[in-house]
Amino acid sequence: MSRLQLLLLSGFVCFMSRAAISGERIDLTPEPQAGQLTHVSIQLEAGGHNLVRPQQQQDEKAAGPEQKQPISVAAKLSFDEKRLSIAAAASTGTPLAIRYYDEAEAVIKVNETGRTPKLADEKRTIIVEQGQQRPMAYCPDGPLSREQLDLVDVVGDSICIDRLLPKQPVTEGESWANDATAMGPLLTFDTVAVCEVIVSQPGFTG
C-alpha cells in the first residue's frame, strides 16, 4: 500500500471516528452543588434611544414633536460566589448564594449627561435569595440605593444562566425551546407574557 493510500485511509478513519462522536447524545444538564465556589465576571454594553414625548396640552396641534435621546450603558462586575442551595428546589426566601464584589461599576450616559454608579466598599457583600418570580439580591450590611441594586440585578446573572441548558441529552445541531421560566429571570423580568426562544447545540470543530 502506497504512502498516499495510507494517508487517505487514516483520514477516512479519523472522519468516521469524528462522525461517530458527533452523533452521540450529550448530557448538558447543569449540576450546581451547595458549597460550590465560583469567580464570575460580567461585562455588559448596551445602547439605544429614549423616546421623550411632549407634555399633554389642550391644543394637541401645538404640542412639539417627539424627541429621541441617545442612551448607552457599560457595566463591569466581578465577584466571588458561594452557592448555598440549589435554585430549582428552593422555596421563596431561601438564600441561594453569597457574593463578594471586587468590582461593580457602570457608566450610564443619557444625551449629554452621565452617571457612574458603583457599589460602596461597605456594600460589597451581597446575598441572593429565591423570590416569588426570580432570584433577588440584597446587602446584609445596609439598604442599597436604586442604582446600586440595578448594578447587582443584572441581565445574565450566574444563578439564572444555567436555565438555558437543555433538560435532556442532545446531539450535535439539535435545538430545544426555553420558556418564560428561564428567560424571565435571565433578563430580570418579573413576568413575561409571550416567550419564543430556540437554542441549539453547536457543531463540533476540529
Protein backbone atom coordinates (compact mmCIF):
# COMPACT_ATOMS: atom_id res chain seq x y z
CA MET A 1 0.00 0.00 0.00
CA SER A 2 1.41 3.37 -1.02
CA ARG A 3 2.01 6.28 1.38
CA LEU A 4 -0.80 8.25 -0.30
CA GLN A 5 -3.24 5.36 0.28
CA LEU A 6 -2.19 5.17 3.93
CA LEU A 7 -2.82 8.89 4.38
CA LEU A 8 -6.24 8.66 2.74
CA LEU A 9 -7.18 5.64 4.87
CA SER A 10 -6.03 7.39 8.05
CA GLY A 11 -8.06 10.46 7.14
CA PHE A 12 -11.14 8.34 6.45
CA VAL A 13 -10.81 6.53 9.81
CA CYS A 14 -10.45 9.85 11.64
CA PHE A 15 -13.51 11.22 9.82
CA MET A 16 -15.59 8.15 10.71
CA SER A 17 -14.49 8.35 14.37
CA ARG A 18 -15.37 12.03 14.46
CA ALA A 19 -18.77 11.36 12.90
CA ALA A 20 -19.48 8.68 15.50
CA ILE A 21 -18.59 11.05 18.29
CA SER A 22 -20.71 13.86 16.84
CA GLY A 23 -23.72 11.53 16.64
CA GLU A 24 -23.67 10.76 20.36
CA ARG A 25 -26.17 12.39 22.71
CA ILE A 26 -24.54 14.76 25.18
CA ASP A 27 -25.93 15.48 28.63
CA LEU A 28 -25.58 19.24 29.24
CA THR A 29 -27.75 19.26 32.36
CA PRO A 30 -26.16 21.67 34.90
CA GLU A 31 -25.07 20.16 38.19
CA PRO A 32 -24.59 23.03 40.67
CA GLN A 33 -23.74 21.97 44.20
CA ALA A 34 -24.25 23.69 47.54
CA GLY A 35 -20.90 24.98 48.78
CA GLN A 36 -19.52 25.43 45.25
CA LEU A 37 -17.25 28.48 44.97
CA THR A 38 -17.01 30.31 41.64
CA HIS A 39 -15.45 33.53 40.38
CA VAL A 40 -17.79 35.36 38.00
CA SER A 41 -17.06 38.25 35.62
CA ILE A 42 -19.81 40.06 33.69
CA GLN A 43 -19.33 42.81 31.13
CA LEU A 44 -22.44 44.47 29.71
CA GLU A 45 -22.67 47.07 26.94
CA ALA A 46 -25.96 48.39 25.54
CA GLY A 47 -27.14 51.40 23.59
CA GLY A 48 -30.24 52.90 22.06
CA HIS A 49 -32.55 55.88 22.33
CA ASN A 50 -35.03 57.20 24.88
CA LEU A 51 -38.25 58.41 23.30
CA VAL A 52 -39.39 61.61 25.03
CA ARG A 53 -42.99 62.56 24.36
CA PRO A 54 -44.14 66.18 24.75
CA GLN A 55 -46.37 67.07 27.69
CA GLN A 56 -50.09 66.80 27.00
CA GLN A 57 -51.57 70.15 26.06
CA GLN A 58 -55.11 71.33 25.45
CA ASP A 59 -54.28 72.09 21.87
CA GLU A 60 -52.71 68.85 20.60
CA LYS A 61 -51.60 70.57 17.39
CA ALA A 62 -49.44 72.94 19.45
CA ALA A 63 -47.53 70.05 21.07
CA GLY A 64 -43.95 69.68 19.94
CA PRO A 65 -42.57 66.61 18.16
CA GLU A 66 -41.29 63.54 19.99
CA GLN A 67 -37.58 63.64 20.75
CA LYS A 68 -35.02 60.87 20.76
CA GLN A 69 -32.21 60.99 23.28
CA PRO A 70 -29.23 58.66 22.83
CA ILE A 71 -28.53 56.38 25.79
CA SER A 72 -25.65 53.98 26.48
CA VAL A 73 -24.73 51.69 29.36
CA ALA A 74 -21.39 49.99 30.06
CA ALA A 75 -21.09 47.90 33.22
CA LYS A 76 -18.36 45.69 34.69
CA LEU A 77 -18.98 43.21 37.50
CA SER A 78 -16.57 40.80 39.15
CA PHE A 79 -17.33 38.73 42.25
CA ASP A 80 -16.71 35.51 44.14
CA GLU A 81 -19.89 33.49 44.61
CA LYS A 82 -20.57 30.63 47.01
CA ARG A 83 -23.71 28.62 46.34
CA LEU A 84 -25.78 27.98 49.46
CA SER A 85 -28.63 25.96 47.93
CA ILE A 86 -29.98 24.86 44.55
CA ALA A 87 -32.38 27.35 42.96
CA ALA A 88 -34.55 24.71 41.27
CA ALA A 89 -35.53 23.20 44.62
CA ALA A 90 -35.58 26.39 46.71
CA SER A 91 -38.73 27.95 48.14
CA THR A 92 -39.34 31.71 48.32
CA GLY A 93 -36.97 33.41 50.77
CA THR A 94 -34.32 30.66 50.65
CA PRO A 95 -30.75 32.05 50.38
CA LEU A 96 -29.21 30.82 47.12
CA ALA A 97 -25.73 32.35 47.19
CA ILE A 98 -23.45 34.79 48.96
CA ARG A 99 -21.21 37.07 46.91
CA TYR A 100 -18.35 39.46 47.46
CA TYR A 101 -17.90 42.02 44.68
CA ASP A 102 -14.37 43.22 43.98
CA GLU A 103 -15.70 45.27 41.05
CA ALA A 104 -19.19 46.65 40.41
CA GLU A 105 -19.47 49.87 38.45
CA ALA A 106 -21.16 51.30 35.38
CA VAL A 107 -21.14 54.31 33.10
CA ILE A 108 -24.61 55.47 32.06
CA LYS A 109 -24.98 58.26 29.50
CA VAL A 110 -28.26 59.90 28.50
CA ASN A 111 -27.92 62.59 25.86
CA GLU A 112 -25.21 64.94 27.20
CA THR A 113 -25.38 63.84 30.85
CA GLY A 114 -23.78 60.85 32.53
CA ARG A 115 -23.70 58.90 35.80
CA THR A 116 -21.17 56.43 37.21
CA PRO A 117 -22.90 54.30 39.88
CA LYS A 118 -20.79 51.83 41.86
CA LEU A 119 -21.01 49.72 44.99
CA ALA A 120 -19.58 51.35 48.09
CA ASP A 121 -16.88 49.42 49.93
CA GLU A 122 -19.24 48.61 52.81
CA LYS A 123 -21.91 47.23 50.41
CA ARG A 124 -19.82 44.68 48.52
CA THR A 125 -21.25 41.63 50.31
CA ILE A 126 -24.50 40.59 48.60
CA ILE A 127 -26.97 37.80 49.39
CA VAL A 128 -29.08 36.30 46.59
CA GLU A 129 -32.32 34.63 47.69
CA GLN A 130 -35.19 32.97 45.85
CA GLY A 131 -38.01 35.42 45.14
CA GLN A 132 -41.56 34.71 44.05
CA GLN A 133 -40.73 35.01 40.34
CA ARG A 134 -36.92 35.11 40.25
CA PRO A 135 -33.80 35.43 42.43
CA MET A 136 -33.49 38.73 44.30
CA ALA A 137 -30.40 40.43 45.78
CA TYR A 138 -29.86 42.45 48.95
CA CYS A 139 -26.99 43.65 51.11
CA PRO A 140 -26.91 42.35 54.72
CA ASP A 141 -24.88 45.40 55.79
CA GLY A 142 -27.49 48.00 54.85
CA PRO A 143 -30.01 49.04 52.20
CA LEU A 144 -28.92 49.52 48.59
CA SER A 145 -29.85 52.57 46.55
CA ARG A 146 -31.84 52.04 43.34
CA GLU A 147 -28.69 52.49 41.24
CA GLN A 148 -26.71 50.04 43.40
CA LEU A 149 -29.48 47.44 43.18
CA ASP A 150 -29.55 47.83 39.40
CA LEU A 151 -25.81 47.08 39.35
CA VAL A 152 -26.17 43.66 41.03
CA ASP A 153 -29.56 42.75 39.50
CA VAL A 154 -28.08 42.34 36.04
CA VAL A 155 -29.00 40.58 32.79
CA GLY A 156 -27.23 37.22 32.52
CA ASP A 157 -26.97 36.58 36.25
CA SER A 158 -24.92 33.48 37.11
CA ILE A 159 -27.79 31.98 39.15
CA CYS A 160 -30.06 32.02 36.08
CA ILE A 161 -27.71 31.34 33.16
CA ASP A 162 -27.80 27.54 33.58
CA ARG A 163 -31.53 27.57 32.81
CA LEU A 164 -30.67 27.97 29.13
CA LEU A 165 -29.27 24.43 29.03
CA PRO A 166 -31.49 21.52 27.91
CA LYS A 167 -33.10 19.21 30.46
CA GLN A 168 -32.35 16.12 28.36
CA PRO A 169 -29.32 14.84 26.37
CA VAL A 170 -28.97 16.37 22.89
CA THR A 171 -26.98 15.66 19.74
CA GLU A 172 -24.89 17.97 17.60
CA GLY A 173 -27.07 20.63 15.98
CA GLU A 174 -30.19 19.70 17.97
CA SER A 175 -32.42 22.54 19.21
CA TRP A 176 -34.62 22.99 22.26
CA ALA A 177 -37.01 25.67 23.48
CA ASN A 178 -36.67 27.91 26.54
CA ASP A 179 -39.85 29.15 28.15
CA ALA A 180 -40.65 32.20 30.28
CA THR A 181 -39.45 30.49 33.48
CA ALA A 182 -35.93 30.52 32.01
CA MET A 183 -35.92 33.78 30.05
CA GLY A 184 -37.74 35.99 32.56
CA PRO A 185 -35.18 35.63 35.39
CA LEU A 186 -32.27 35.73 32.93
CA LEU A 187 -33.47 39.10 31.57
CA THR A 188 -34.50 40.39 35.05
CA PHE A 189 -38.21 40.39 34.11
CA ASP A 190 -40.73 39.65 36.86
CA THR A 191 -43.32 38.49 34.32
CA VAL A 192 -43.19 37.51 30.65
CA ALA A 193 -46.40 37.42 28.58
CA VAL A 194 -45.02 35.81 25.41
CA CYS A 195 -41.75 33.87 25.07
CA GLU A 196 -40.43 32.06 21.98
CA VAL A 197 -36.71 31.26 22.23
CA ILE A 198 -34.91 28.40 20.47
CA VAL A 199 -31.35 27.41 21.44
CA SER A 200 -29.22 24.88 19.55
CA GLN A 201 -26.22 22.71 20.41
CA PRO A 202 -23.35 23.99 18.20
CA GLY A 203 -21.46 21.65 15.94
CA PHE A 204 -18.06 20.19 16.76
CA THR A 205 -14.88 21.77 15.43
CA GLY A 206 -11.51 20.37 14.62
